[in-house]
Amino acid sequence: MAPYKGSSKYHGPSRNKITEETGNGNDLTVGEDVEVVFANTNDSTLTVTIPESEEVDGRRVEIVDEGGNAGTNNITVSAGSGNNVNGSDQDITLATNYVRAVAVYNGAQSAWTVTTSAP
C-alpha cells in the first residue's frame, strides 16, 4: 500500500493546492504545491515565475493559456533568481493561443527545461 498524506512515510507535496489561476495582469510566482497554472491573458500580458533554486530534481510545472489569448497578450515564463530556463538566464515568451508549456527542474544543472506545445 502506498503511503498516504499525513503518513510519516509520505514525501509528496501536501496537495492542498495543485492548480493556480492568474489573469488580468496579476503576475504569479508558482508556489511549492502548484503543478498547473491556468493563465488567462484576456485583458493583459502576465509573467509566471517558476520557483527558485532549492527545488526537487524532476519537479514539473505546467502553464496553460486558459483564455486562448497568448498570441495577443503574451505569457512570460521566468525562472527564479539563481536558475536558468533552457540553459539561459533569458525569459521565455509564450505567444501562441492555447499554448501549453511544461517546465521540468534539473537539479544537477540548477535549471528548468521548458518545452511548449500548441493545440
PDB file of N, CA and C in Angstrom:
ATOM      1  N   MET A   1       0.845  -1.177   0.000  1.00  0.00           N
ATOM      2  CA  MET A   1       0.000   0.000   0.000  1.00  0.00           C
ATOM      3  C   MET A   1       0.891   1.241   0.000  1.00  0.00           C
ATOM      4  N   ALA A   2       0.556   2.210  -0.834  1.00  0.00           N
ATOM      5  CA  ALA A   2       1.333   3.445  -0.934  1.00  0.00           C
ATOM      6  C   ALA A   2       1.080   4.329   0.286  1.00  0.00           C
ATOM      7  N   PRO A   3       2.113   5.070   0.714  1.00  0.00           N
ATOM      8  CA  PRO A   3       1.917   5.992   1.832  1.00  0.00           C
ATOM      9  C   PRO A   3       0.859   7.037   1.487  1.00  0.00           C
ATOM     10  N   TYR A   4       0.109   7.456   2.463  1.00  0.00           N
ATOM     11  CA  TYR A   4      -0.928   8.450   2.257  1.00  0.00           C
ATOM     12  C   TYR A   4      -0.518   9.774   2.896  1.00  0.00           C
ATOM     13  N   LYS A   5      -1.157  10.841   2.446  1.00  0.00           N
ATOM     14  CA  LYS A   5      -0.891  12.159   3.019  1.00  0.00           C
ATOM     15  C   LYS A   5      -1.166  12.091   4.520  1.00  0.00           C
ATOM     16  N   GLY A   6      -0.235  12.563   5.294  1.00  0.00           N
ATOM     17  CA  GLY A   6      -0.367  12.503   6.745  1.00  0.00           C
ATOM     18  C   GLY A   6       0.471  11.385   7.339  1.00  0.00           C
ATOM     19  N   SER A   7       0.850  10.405   6.519  1.00  0.00           N
ATOM     20  CA  SER A   7       1.696   9.317   6.968  1.00  0.00           C
ATOM     21  C   SER A   7       3.120   9.818   7.115  1.00  0.00           C
ATOM     22  N   SER A   8       3.871   9.277   8.058  1.00  0.00           N
ATOM     23  CA  SER A   8       5.271   9.678   8.232  1.00  0.00           C
ATOM     24  C   SER A   8       6.123   9.236   7.051  1.00  0.00           C
ATOM     25  N   LYS A   9       5.620   8.318   6.213  1.00  0.00           N
ATOM     26  CA  LYS A   9       6.363   7.849   5.046  1.00  0.00           C
ATOM     27  C   LYS A   9       5.990   8.598   3.772  1.00  0.00           C
ATOM     28  N   TYR A  10       5.012   9.516   3.845  1.00  0.00           N
ATOM     29  CA  TYR A  10       4.588  10.271   2.672  1.00  0.00           C
ATOM     30  C   TYR A  10       5.552  11.422   2.449  1.00  0.00           C
ATOM     31  N   HIS A  11       6.155  11.501   1.247  1.00  0.00           N
ATOM     32  CA  HIS A  11       7.115  12.554   0.951  1.00  0.00           C
ATOM     33  C   HIS A  11       6.685  13.429  -0.215  1.00  0.00           C
ATOM     34  N   GLY A  12       5.467  13.295  -0.663  1.00  0.00           N
ATOM     35  CA  GLY A  12       4.976  14.093  -1.785  1.00  0.00           C
ATOM     36  C   GLY A  12       4.509  15.458  -1.325  1.00  0.00           C
ATOM     37  N   PRO A  13       4.051  16.282  -2.290  1.00  0.00           N
ATOM     38  CA  PRO A  13       3.545  17.605  -1.927  1.00  0.00           C
ATOM     39  C   PRO A  13       2.285  17.475  -1.081  1.00  0.00           C
ATOM     40  N   SER A  14       1.936  18.534  -0.403  1.00  0.00           N
ATOM     41  CA  SER A  14       0.807  18.494   0.519  1.00  0.00           C
ATOM     42  C   SER A  14      -0.527  18.308  -0.193  1.00  0.00           C
ATOM     43  N   ARG A  15      -0.588  18.656  -1.461  1.00  0.00           N
ATOM     44  CA  ARG A  15      -1.796  18.534  -2.264  1.00  0.00           C
ATOM     45  C   ARG A  15      -2.903  19.459  -1.771  1.00  0.00           C
ATOM     46  N   ASN A  16      -2.553  20.464  -0.971  1.00  0.00           N
ATOM     47  CA  ASN A  16      -3.548  21.439  -0.561  1.00  0.00           C
ATOM     48  C   ASN A  16      -4.020  22.256  -1.757  1.00  0.00           C
ATOM     49  N   LYS A  17      -3.130  22.467  -2.723  1.00  0.00           N
ATOM     50  CA  LYS A  17      -3.480  23.275  -3.884  1.00  0.00           C
ATOM     51  C   LYS A  17      -2.534  22.888  -5.013  1.00  0.00           C
ATOM     52  N   ILE A  18      -3.026  22.180  -6.026  1.00  0.00           N
ATOM     53  CA  ILE A  18      -2.133  21.780  -7.102  1.00  0.00           C
ATOM     54  C   ILE A  18      -2.329  22.621  -8.353  1.00  0.00           C
ATOM     55  N   THR A  19      -3.358  23.487  -8.359  1.00  0.00           N
ATOM     56  CA  THR A  19      -3.535  24.376  -9.501  1.00  0.00           C
ATOM     57  C   THR A  19      -3.603  25.821  -9.021  1.00  0.00           C
ATOM     58  N   GLU A  20      -3.283  26.739  -9.897  1.00  0.00           N
ATOM     59  CA  GLU A  20      -3.339  28.172  -9.608  1.00  0.00           C
ATOM     60  C   GLU A  20      -3.888  28.857 -10.840  1.00  0.00           C
ATOM     61  N   GLU A  21      -4.774  29.811 -10.654  1.00  0.00           N
ATOM     62  CA  GLU A  21      -5.292  30.600 -11.765  1.00  0.00           C
ATOM     63  C   GLU A  21      -4.794  32.023 -11.629  1.00  0.00           C
ATOM     64  N   THR A  22      -4.441  32.625 -12.742  1.00  0.00           N
ATOM     65  CA  THR A  22      -3.996  34.009 -12.710  1.00  0.00           C
ATOM     66  C   THR A  22      -4.446  34.696 -13.987  1.00  0.00           C
ATOM     67  N   GLY A  23      -4.602  35.984 -13.909  1.00  0.00           N
ATOM     68  CA  GLY A  23      -5.021  36.747 -15.081  1.00  0.00           C
ATOM     69  C   GLY A  23      -5.202  38.204 -14.745  1.00  0.00           C
ATOM     70  N   ASN A  24      -5.664  38.970 -15.718  1.00  0.00           N
ATOM     71  CA  ASN A  24      -5.891  40.397 -15.543  1.00  0.00           C
ATOM     72  C   ASN A  24      -4.651  41.125 -15.041  1.00  0.00           C
ATOM     73  N   GLY A  25      -3.494  40.737 -15.562  1.00  0.00           N
ATOM     74  CA  GLY A  25      -2.258  41.413 -15.192  1.00  0.00           C
ATOM     75  C   GLY A  25      -1.688  40.994 -13.852  1.00  0.00           C
ATOM     76  N   ASN A  26      -2.279  39.976 -13.220  1.00  0.00           N
ATOM     77  CA  ASN A  26      -1.788  39.506 -11.928  1.00  0.00           C
ATOM     78  C   ASN A  26      -0.675  38.491 -12.139  1.00  0.00           C
ATOM     79  N   ASP A  27       0.571  38.973 -12.112  1.00  0.00           N
ATOM     80  CA  ASP A  27       1.705  38.076 -12.268  1.00  0.00           C
ATOM     81  C   ASP A  27       1.697  37.073 -11.122  1.00  0.00           C
ATOM     82  N   LEU A  28       2.373  35.946 -11.333  1.00  0.00           N
ATOM     83  CA  LEU A  28       2.332  34.862 -10.359  1.00  0.00           C
ATOM     84  C   LEU A  28       3.707  34.260 -10.169  1.00  0.00           C
ATOM     85  N   THR A  29       4.071  34.029  -8.916  1.00  0.00           N
ATOM     86  CA  THR A  29       5.222  33.199  -8.592  1.00  0.00           C
ATOM     87  C   THR A  29       4.656  31.871  -8.124  1.00  0.00           C
ATOM     88  N   VAL A  30       5.036  30.795  -8.793  1.00  0.00           N
ATOM     89  CA  VAL A  30       4.475  29.476  -8.536  1.00  0.00           C
ATOM     90  C   VAL A  30       4.864  29.001  -7.141  1.00  0.00           C
ATOM     91  N   GLY A  31       3.869  28.576  -6.370  1.00  0.00           N
ATOM     92  CA  GLY A  31       4.096  28.060  -5.025  1.00  0.00           C
ATOM     93  C   GLY A  31       4.595  26.626  -5.046  1.00  0.00           C
ATOM     94  N   GLU A  32       5.023  26.147  -3.889  1.00  0.00           N
ATOM     95  CA  GLU A  32       5.656  24.827  -3.815  1.00  0.00           C
ATOM     96  C   GLU A  32       4.712  23.671  -4.119  1.00  0.00           C
ATOM     97  N   ASP A  33       3.420  23.831  -3.914  1.00  0.00           N
ATOM     98  CA  ASP A  33       2.476  22.750  -4.179  1.00  0.00           C
ATOM     99  C   ASP A  33       1.826  22.835  -5.554  1.00  0.00           C
ATOM    100  N   VAL A  34       2.038  23.936  -6.256  1.00  0.00           N
ATOM    101  CA  VAL A  34       1.346  24.152  -7.522  1.00  0.00           C
ATOM    102  C   VAL A  34       2.034  23.381  -8.651  1.00  0.00           C
ATOM    103  N   GLU A  35       1.235  22.629  -9.402  1.00  0.00           N
ATOM    104  CA  GLU A  35       1.745  21.858 -10.530  1.00  0.00           C
ATOM    105  C   GLU A  35       1.220  22.380 -11.861  1.00  0.00           C
ATOM    106  N   VAL A  36       0.052  23.041 -11.841  1.00  0.00           N
ATOM    107  CA  VAL A  36      -0.560  23.546 -13.066  1.00  0.00           C
ATOM    108  C   VAL A  36      -0.987  24.990 -12.843  1.00  0.00           C
ATOM    109  N   VAL A  37      -0.619  25.862 -13.792  1.00  0.00           N
ATOM    110  CA  VAL A  37      -1.036  27.262 -13.757  1.00  0.00           C
ATOM    111  C   VAL A  37      -1.944  27.504 -14.951  1.00  0.00           C
ATOM    112  N   PHE A  38      -3.162  27.953 -14.683  1.00  0.00           N
ATOM    113  CA  PHE A  38      -4.094  28.331 -15.736  1.00  0.00           C
ATOM    114  C   PHE A  38      -3.970  29.838 -15.913  1.00  0.00           C
ATOM    115  N   ALA A  39      -3.332  30.257 -16.993  1.00  0.00           N
ATOM    116  CA  ALA A  39      -3.058  31.669 -17.241  1.00  0.00           C
ATOM    117  C   ALA A  39      -4.098  32.233 -18.190  1.00  0.00           C
ATOM    118  N   ASN A  40      -4.709  33.333 -17.786  1.00  0.00           N
ATOM    119  CA  ASN A  40      -5.728  33.976 -18.609  1.00  0.00           C
ATOM    120  C   ASN A  40      -5.228  35.362 -18.971  1.00  0.00           C
ATOM    121  N   THR A  41      -4.931  35.576 -20.246  1.00  0.00           N
ATOM    122  CA  THR A  41      -4.420  36.867 -20.696  1.00  0.00           C
ATOM    123  C   THR A  41      -5.448  37.600 -21.552  1.00  0.00           C
ATOM    124  N   ASN A  42      -6.706  37.458 -21.222  1.00  0.00           N
ATOM    125  CA  ASN A  42      -7.757  38.133 -21.990  1.00  0.00           C
ATOM    126  C   ASN A  42      -7.576  39.646 -21.980  1.00  0.00           C
ATOM    127  N   ASP A  43      -7.142  40.202 -20.852  1.00  0.00           N
ATOM    128  CA  ASP A  43      -7.064  41.651 -20.715  1.00  0.00           C
ATOM    129  C   ASP A  43      -5.659  42.224 -20.778  1.00  0.00           C
ATOM    130  N   SER A  44      -4.639  41.422 -20.451  1.00  0.00           N
ATOM    131  CA  SER A  44      -3.275  41.950 -20.436  1.00  0.00           C
ATOM    132  C   SER A  44      -2.262  40.811 -20.413  1.00  0.00           C
ATOM    133  N   THR A  45      -1.004  41.166 -20.637  1.00  0.00           N
ATOM    134  CA  THR A  45       0.083  40.190 -20.554  1.00  0.00           C
ATOM    135  C   THR A  45       0.301  39.823 -19.086  1.00  0.00           C
ATOM    136  N   LEU A  46       1.047  38.763 -18.857  1.00  0.00           N
ATOM    137  CA  LEU A  46       1.416  38.430 -17.487  1.00  0.00           C
ATOM    138  C   LEU A  46       2.692  37.614 -17.472  1.00  0.00           C
ATOM    139  N   THR A  47       3.297  37.558 -16.298  1.00  0.00           N
ATOM    140  CA  THR A  47       4.527  36.803 -16.093  1.00  0.00           C
ATOM    141  C   THR A  47       4.276  35.725 -15.050  1.00  0.00           C
ATOM    142  N   VAL A  48       4.715  34.507 -15.370  1.00  0.00           N
ATOM    143  CA  VAL A  48       4.669  33.393 -14.436  1.00  0.00           C
ATOM    144  C   VAL A  48       6.118  33.065 -14.089  1.00  0.00           C
ATOM    145  N   THR A  49       6.457  33.196 -12.815  1.00  0.00           N
ATOM    146  CA  THR A  49       7.813  32.896 -12.365  1.00  0.00           C
ATOM    147  C   THR A  49       7.818  31.511 -11.743  1.00  0.00           C
ATOM    148  N   ILE A  50       8.617  30.615 -12.344  1.00  0.00           N
ATOM    149  CA  ILE A  50       8.721  29.269 -11.798  1.00  0.00           C
ATOM    150  C   ILE A  50       9.690  29.317 -10.624  1.00  0.00           C
ATOM    151  N   PRO A  51       9.570  28.402  -9.676  1.00  0.00           N
ATOM    152  CA  PRO A  51      10.262  28.518  -8.389  1.00  0.00           C
ATOM    153  C   PRO A  51      11.778  28.647  -8.474  1.00  0.00           C
ATOM    154  N   GLU A  52      12.322  29.133  -7.371  1.00  0.00           N
ATOM    155  CA  GLU A  52      13.758  29.355  -7.268  1.00  0.00           C
ATOM    156  C   GLU A  52      14.517  28.071  -7.011  1.00  0.00           C
ATOM    157  N   SER A  53      15.810  28.205  -6.882  1.00  0.00           N
ATOM    158  CA  SER A  53      16.759  27.104  -6.961  1.00  0.00           C
ATOM    159  C   SER A  53      16.539  25.899  -6.059  1.00  0.00           C
ATOM    160  N   GLU A  54      16.177  25.994  -4.859  1.00  0.00           N
ATOM    161  CA  GLU A  54      16.159  24.840  -3.968  1.00  0.00           C
ATOM    162  C   GLU A  54      14.973  23.926  -4.260  1.00  0.00           C
ATOM    163  N   GLU A  55      14.938  23.418  -5.458  1.00  0.00           N
ATOM    164  CA  GLU A  55      13.830  22.594  -5.914  1.00  0.00           C
ATOM    165  C   GLU A  55      14.205  21.122  -5.946  1.00  0.00           C
ATOM    166  N   VAL A  56      13.191  20.304  -6.070  1.00  0.00           N
ATOM    167  CA  VAL A  56      13.367  18.860  -6.164  1.00  0.00           C
ATOM    168  C   VAL A  56      13.641  18.495  -7.618  1.00  0.00           C
ATOM    169  N   ASP A  57      14.681  17.688  -7.822  1.00  0.00           N
ATOM    170  CA  ASP A  57      15.015  17.230  -9.165  1.00  0.00           C
ATOM    171  C   ASP A  57      13.810  16.521  -9.762  1.00  0.00           C
ATOM    172  N   GLY A  58      13.437  16.901 -10.968  1.00  0.00           N
ATOM    173  CA  GLY A  58      12.307  16.287 -11.650  1.00  0.00           C
ATOM    174  C   GLY A  58      10.969  16.957 -11.396  1.00  0.00           C
ATOM    175  N   ARG A  59      10.954  18.006 -10.580  1.00  0.00           N
ATOM    176  CA  ARG A  59       9.686  18.712 -10.343  1.00  0.00           C
ATOM    177  C   ARG A  59       9.136  19.233 -11.663  1.00  0.00           C
ATOM    178  N   ARG A  60       7.828  19.174 -11.826  1.00  0.00           N
ATOM    179  CA  ARG A  60       7.169  19.551 -13.079  1.00  0.00           C
ATOM    180  C   ARG A  60       6.112  20.608 -12.803  1.00  0.00           C
ATOM    181  N   VAL A  61       6.122  21.669 -13.604  1.00  0.00           N
ATOM    182  CA  VAL A  61       5.098  22.715 -13.538  1.00  0.00           C
ATOM    183  C   VAL A  61       4.581  22.929 -14.959  1.00  0.00           C
ATOM    184  N   GLU A  62       3.265  22.911 -15.106  1.00  0.00           N
ATOM    185  CA  GLU A  62       2.652  23.113 -16.421  1.00  0.00           C
ATOM    186  C   GLU A  62       1.934  24.462 -16.435  1.00  0.00           C
ATOM    187  N   ILE A  63       2.117  25.217 -17.515  1.00  0.00           N
ATOM    188  CA  ILE A  63       1.485  26.519 -17.675  1.00  0.00           C
ATOM    189  C   ILE A  63       0.600  26.440 -18.916  1.00  0.00           C
ATOM    190  N   VAL A  64      -0.687  26.757 -18.755  1.00  0.00           N
ATOM    191  CA  VAL A  64      -1.659  26.606 -19.822  1.00  0.00           C
ATOM    192  C   VAL A  64      -2.300  27.962 -20.120  1.00  0.00           C
ATOM    193  N   ASP A  65      -2.351  28.326 -21.399  1.00  0.00           N
ATOM    194  CA  ASP A  65      -3.051  29.546 -21.813  1.00  0.00           C
ATOM    195  C   ASP A  65      -4.547  29.253 -21.800  1.00  0.00           C
ATOM    196  N   GLU A  66      -5.153  29.447 -20.658  1.00  0.00           N
ATOM    197  CA  GLU A  66      -6.552  29.102 -20.447  1.00  0.00           C
ATOM    198  C   GLU A  66      -7.505  29.930 -21.304  1.00  0.00           C
ATOM    199  N   GLY A  67      -7.221  31.206 -21.483  1.00  0.00           N
ATOM    200  CA  GLY A  67      -8.128  32.075 -22.210  1.00  0.00           C
ATOM    201  C   GLY A  67      -7.933  32.080 -23.710  1.00  0.00           C
ATOM    202  N   GLY A  68      -6.841  31.510 -24.198  1.00  0.00           N
ATOM    203  CA  GLY A  68      -6.584  31.452 -25.631  1.00  0.00           C
ATOM    204  C   GLY A  68      -6.194  32.777 -26.251  1.00  0.00           C
ATOM    205  N   ASN A  69      -5.537  33.649 -25.476  1.00  0.00           N
ATOM    206  CA  ASN A  69      -5.145  34.962 -25.981  1.00  0.00           C
ATOM    207  C   ASN A  69      -3.650  35.237 -25.902  1.00  0.00           C
ATOM    208  N   ALA A  70      -2.836  34.215 -25.717  1.00  0.00           N
ATOM    209  CA  ALA A  70      -1.392  34.432 -25.591  1.00  0.00           C
ATOM    210  C   ALA A  70      -0.794  35.012 -26.873  1.00  0.00           C
ATOM    211  N   GLY A  71      -1.442  34.807 -28.004  1.00  0.00           N
ATOM    212  CA  GLY A  71      -0.952  35.381 -29.251  1.00  0.00           C
ATOM    213  C   GLY A  71      -1.023  36.899 -29.254  1.00  0.00           C
ATOM    214  N   THR A  72      -1.968  37.452 -28.535  1.00  0.00           N
ATOM    215  CA  THR A  72      -2.134  38.905 -28.425  1.00  0.00           C
ATOM    216  C   THR A  72      -1.495  39.440 -27.159  1.00  0.00           C
ATOM    217  N   ASN A  73      -1.824  38.835 -26.035  1.00  0.00           N
ATOM    218  CA  ASN A  73      -1.279  39.215 -24.729  1.00  0.00           C
ATOM    219  C   ASN A  73      -0.405  38.068 -24.245  1.00  0.00           C
ATOM    220  N   ASN A  74       0.892  38.191 -24.465  1.00  0.00           N
ATOM    221  CA  ASN A  74       1.839  37.110 -24.209  1.00  0.00           C
ATOM    222  C   ASN A  74       1.935  36.718 -22.739  1.00  0.00           C
ATOM    223  N   ILE A  75       2.376  35.474 -22.534  1.00  0.00           N
ATOM    224  CA  ILE A  75       2.699  34.958 -21.207  1.00  0.00           C
ATOM    225  C   ILE A  75       4.217  34.817 -21.165  1.00  0.00           C
ATOM    226  N   THR A  76       4.842  35.421 -20.167  1.00  0.00           N
ATOM    227  CA  THR A  76       6.289  35.308 -19.996  1.00  0.00           C
ATOM    228  C   THR A  76       6.560  34.284 -18.913  1.00  0.00           C
ATOM    229  N   VAL A  77       7.442  33.317 -19.202  1.00  0.00           N
ATOM    230  CA  VAL A  77       7.872  32.329 -18.218  1.00  0.00           C
ATOM    231  C   VAL A  77       9.271  32.729 -17.787  1.00  0.00           C
ATOM    232  N   SER A  78       9.422  32.944 -16.486  1.00  0.00           N
ATOM    233  CA  SER A  78      10.686  33.411 -15.935  1.00  0.00           C
ATOM    234  C   SER A  78      11.138  32.467 -14.831  1.00  0.00           C
ATOM    235  N   ALA A  79      12.438  32.183 -14.775  1.00  0.00           N
ATOM    236  CA  ALA A  79      12.982  31.368 -13.683  1.00  0.00           C
ATOM    237  C   ALA A  79      13.274  32.267 -12.497  1.00  0.00           C
ATOM    238  N   GLY A  80      13.177  31.703 -11.322  1.00  0.00           N
ATOM    239  CA  GLY A  80      13.519  32.459 -10.125  1.00  0.00           C
ATOM    240  C   GLY A  80      15.007  32.756 -10.078  1.00  0.00           C
ATOM    241  N   SER A  81      15.374  33.597  -9.182  1.00  0.00           N
ATOM    242  CA  SER A  81      16.769  34.002  -9.016  1.00  0.00           C
ATOM    243  C   SER A  81      17.671  32.782  -8.836  1.00  0.00           C
ATOM    244  N   GLY A  82      18.772  32.753  -9.564  1.00  0.00           N
ATOM    245  CA  GLY A  82      19.720  31.655  -9.437  1.00  0.00           C
ATOM    246  C   GLY A  82      19.445  30.478 -10.352  1.00  0.00           C
ATOM    247  N   ASN A  83      18.399  30.534 -11.143  1.00  0.00           N
ATOM    248  CA  ASN A  83      18.063  29.447 -12.054  1.00  0.00           C
ATOM    249  C   ASN A  83      18.111  29.908 -13.496  1.00  0.00           C
ATOM    250  N   ASN A  84      18.148  28.955 -14.391  1.00  0.00           N
ATOM    251  CA  ASN A  84      18.093  29.215 -15.822  1.00  0.00           C
ATOM    252  C   ASN A  84      16.871  28.535 -16.404  1.00  0.00           C
ATOM    253  N   VAL A  85      16.464  29.022 -17.574  1.00  0.00           N
ATOM    254  CA  VAL A  85      15.426  28.364 -18.365  1.00  0.00           C
ATOM    255  C   VAL A  85      16.083  27.967 -19.674  1.00  0.00           C
ATOM    256  N   ASN A  86      16.074  26.682 -19.959  1.00  0.00           N
ATOM    257  CA  ASN A  86      16.677  26.146 -21.183  1.00  0.00           C
ATOM    258  C   ASN A  86      18.117  26.624 -21.368  1.00  0.00           C
ATOM    259  N   GLY A  87      18.877  26.621 -20.273  1.00  0.00           N
ATOM    260  CA  GLY A  87      20.298  26.943 -20.348  1.00  0.00           C
ATOM    261  C   GLY A  87      20.633  28.413 -20.465  1.00  0.00           C
ATOM    262  N   SER A  88      19.658  29.288 -20.263  1.00  0.00           N
ATOM    263  CA  SER A  88      19.886  30.715 -20.412  1.00  0.00           C
ATOM    264  C   SER A  88      19.199  31.461 -19.283  1.00  0.00           C
ATOM    265  N   ASP A  89      19.705  32.660 -18.997  1.00  0.00           N
ATOM    266  CA  ASP A  89      19.033  33.470 -17.983  1.00  0.00           C
ATOM    267  C   ASP A  89      17.944  34.342 -18.606  1.00  0.00           C
ATOM    268  N   GLN A  90      17.615  34.077 -19.863  1.00  0.00           N
ATOM    269  CA  GLN A  90      16.565  34.816 -20.568  1.00  0.00           C
ATOM    270  C   GLN A  90      15.197  34.179 -20.318  1.00  0.00           C
ATOM    271  N   ASP A  91      14.177  35.011 -20.235  1.00  0.00           N
ATOM    272  CA  ASP A  91      12.812  34.519 -20.089  1.00  0.00           C
ATOM    273  C   ASP A  91      12.336  33.893 -21.395  1.00  0.00           C
ATOM    274  N   ILE A  92      11.272  33.116 -21.309  1.00  0.00           N
ATOM    275  CA  ILE A  92      10.640  32.535 -22.491  1.00  0.00           C
ATOM    276  C   ILE A  92       9.285  33.208 -22.662  1.00  0.00           C
ATOM    277  N   THR A  93       8.949  33.573 -23.888  1.00  0.00           N
ATOM    278  CA  THR A  93       7.667  34.199 -24.175  1.00  0.00           C
ATOM    279  C   THR A  93       6.766  33.201 -24.882  1.00  0.00           C
ATOM    280  N   LEU A  94       5.576  33.014 -24.335  1.00  0.00           N
ATOM    281  CA  LEU A  94       4.572  32.154 -24.950  1.00  0.00           C
ATOM    282  C   LEU A  94       3.632  33.061 -25.733  1.00  0.00           C
ATOM    283  N   ALA A  95       3.598  32.891 -27.050  1.00  0.00           N
ATOM    284  CA  ALA A  95       2.871  33.823 -27.912  1.00  0.00           C
ATOM    285  C   ALA A  95       1.967  33.124 -28.913  1.00  0.00           C
ATOM    286  N   THR A  96       1.474  31.932 -28.558  1.00  0.00           N
ATOM    287  CA  THR A  96       0.550  31.191 -29.411  1.00  0.00           C
ATOM    288  C   THR A  96      -0.705  30.916 -28.608  1.00  0.00           C
ATOM    289  N   ASN A  97      -1.851  31.172 -29.189  1.00  0.00           N
ATOM    290  CA  ASN A  97      -3.107  30.937 -28.476  1.00  0.00           C
ATOM    291  C   ASN A  97      -3.231  29.481 -28.038  1.00  0.00           C
ATOM    292  N   TYR A  98      -3.677  29.294 -26.813  1.00  0.00           N
ATOM    293  CA  TYR A  98      -3.884  27.990 -26.183  1.00  0.00           C
ATOM    294  C   TYR A  98      -2.601  27.175 -26.030  1.00  0.00           C
ATOM    295  N   VAL A  99      -1.471  27.837 -26.015  1.00  0.00           N
ATOM    296  CA  VAL A  99      -0.195  27.155 -25.838  1.00  0.00           C
ATOM    297  C   VAL A  99      -0.122  26.516 -24.447  1.00  0.00           C
ATOM    298  N   ARG A 100       0.665  25.480 -24.367  1.00  0.00           N
ATOM    299  CA  ARG A 100       0.914  24.779 -23.101  1.00  0.00           C
ATOM    300  C   ARG A 100       2.426  24.652 -22.954  1.00  0.00           C
ATOM    301  N   ALA A 101       2.948  25.025 -21.808  1.00  0.00           N
ATOM    302  CA  ALA A 101       4.384  24.901 -21.546  1.00  0.00           C
ATOM    303  C   ALA A 101       4.566  23.980 -20.345  1.00  0.00           C
ATOM    304  N   VAL A 102       5.542  23.090 -20.443  1.00  0.00           N
ATOM    305  CA  VAL A 102       5.864  22.187 -19.340  1.00  0.00           C
ATOM    306  C   VAL A 102       7.302  22.461 -18.933  1.00  0.00           C
ATOM    307  N   ALA A 103       7.484  22.788 -17.652  1.00  0.00           N
ATOM    308  CA  ALA A 103       8.814  23.062 -17.106  1.00  0.00           C
ATOM    309  C   ALA A 103       9.194  21.920 -16.167  1.00  0.00           C
ATOM    310  N   VAL A 104      10.387  21.358 -16.372  1.00  0.00           N
ATOM    311  CA  VAL A 104      10.892  20.284 -15.523  1.00  0.00           C
ATOM    312  C   VAL A 104      12.223  20.733 -14.957  1.00  0.00           C
ATOM    313  N   TYR A 105      12.398  20.590 -13.629  1.00  0.00           N
ATOM    314  CA  TYR A 105      13.604  21.067 -12.962  1.00  0.00           C
ATOM    315  C   TYR A 105      14.703  20.010 -12.987  1.00  0.00           C
ATOM    316  N   ASN A 106      15.912  20.414 -13.388  1.00  0.00           N
ATOM    317  CA  ASN A 106      17.090  19.551 -13.411  1.00  0.00           C
ATOM    318  C   ASN A 106      18.035  20.051 -12.311  1.00  0.00           C
ATOM    319  N   GLY A 107      18.064  19.353 -11.194  1.00  0.00           N
ATOM    320  CA  GLY A 107      18.861  19.772 -10.045  1.00  0.00           C
ATOM    321  C   GLY A 107      20.350  19.806 -10.319  1.00  0.00           C
ATOM    322  N   ALA A 108      20.848  18.888 -11.151  1.00  0.00           N
ATOM    323  CA  ALA A 108      22.279  18.852 -11.453  1.00  0.00           C
ATOM    324  C   ALA A 108      22.743  20.116 -12.155  1.00  0.00           C
ATOM    325  N   GLN A 109      21.848  20.734 -12.912  1.00  0.00           N
ATOM    326  CA  GLN A 109      22.199  21.948 -13.645  1.00  0.00           C
ATOM    327  C   GLN A 109      21.577  23.204 -13.053  1.00  0.00           C
ATOM    328  N   SER A 110      20.810  23.060 -11.966  1.00  0.00           N
ATOM    329  CA  SER A 110      20.063  24.180 -11.379  1.00  0.00           C
ATOM    330  C   SER A 110      19.334  24.943 -12.485  1.00  0.00           C
ATOM    331  N   ALA A 111      18.605  24.197 -13.298  1.00  0.00           N
ATOM    332  CA  ALA A 111      17.943  24.805 -14.454  1.00  0.00           C
ATOM    333  C   ALA A 111      16.602  24.142 -14.705  1.00  0.00           C
ATOM    334  N   TRP A 112      15.731  24.907 -15.310  1.00  0.00           N
ATOM    335  CA  TRP A 112      14.443  24.422 -15.782  1.00  0.00           C
ATOM    336  C   TRP A 112      14.520  24.185 -17.278  1.00  0.00           C
ATOM    337  N   THR A 113      14.023  23.041 -17.723  1.00  0.00           N
ATOM    338  CA  THR A 113      13.881  22.763 -19.137  1.00  0.00           C
ATOM    339  C   THR A 113      12.411  22.983 -19.460  1.00  0.00           C
ATOM    340  N   VAL A 114      12.137  23.876 -20.398  1.00  0.00           N
ATOM    341  CA  VAL A 114      10.766  24.207 -20.752  1.00  0.00           C
ATOM    342  C   VAL A 114      10.509  23.796 -22.189  1.00  0.00           C
ATOM    343  N   THR A 115       9.456  23.003 -22.384  1.00  0.00           N
ATOM    344  CA  THR A 115       9.019  22.644 -23.721  1.00  0.00           C
ATOM    345  C   THR A 115       7.603  23.187 -23.903  1.00  0.00           C
ATOM    346  N   THR A 116       7.282  23.556 -25.125  1.00  0.00           N
ATOM    347  CA  THR A 116       5.952  24.090 -25.403  1.00  0.00           C
ATOM    348  C   THR A 116       5.263  23.257 -26.465  1.00  0.00           C
ATOM    349  N   SER A 117       3.946  23.304 -26.417  1.00  0.00           N
ATOM    350  CA  SER A 117       3.158  22.663 -27.461  1.00  0.00           C
ATOM    351  C   SER A 117       1.904  23.505 -27.695  1.00  0.00           C
ATOM    352  N   ALA A 118       1.505  23.572 -28.928  1.00  0.00           N
ATOM    353  CA  ALA A 118       0.305  24.313 -29.298  1.00  0.00           C
ATOM    354  C   ALA A 118      -0.765  23.322 -29.714  1.00  0.00           C
ATOM    355  N   PRO A 119      -2.007  23.729 -29.615  1.00  0.00           N
ATOM    356  CA  PRO A 119      -3.093  22.795 -29.962  1.00  0.00           C
ATOM    357  C   PRO A 119      -3.081  22.436 -31.435  1.00  0.00           C
TER     358      PRO A 119
END
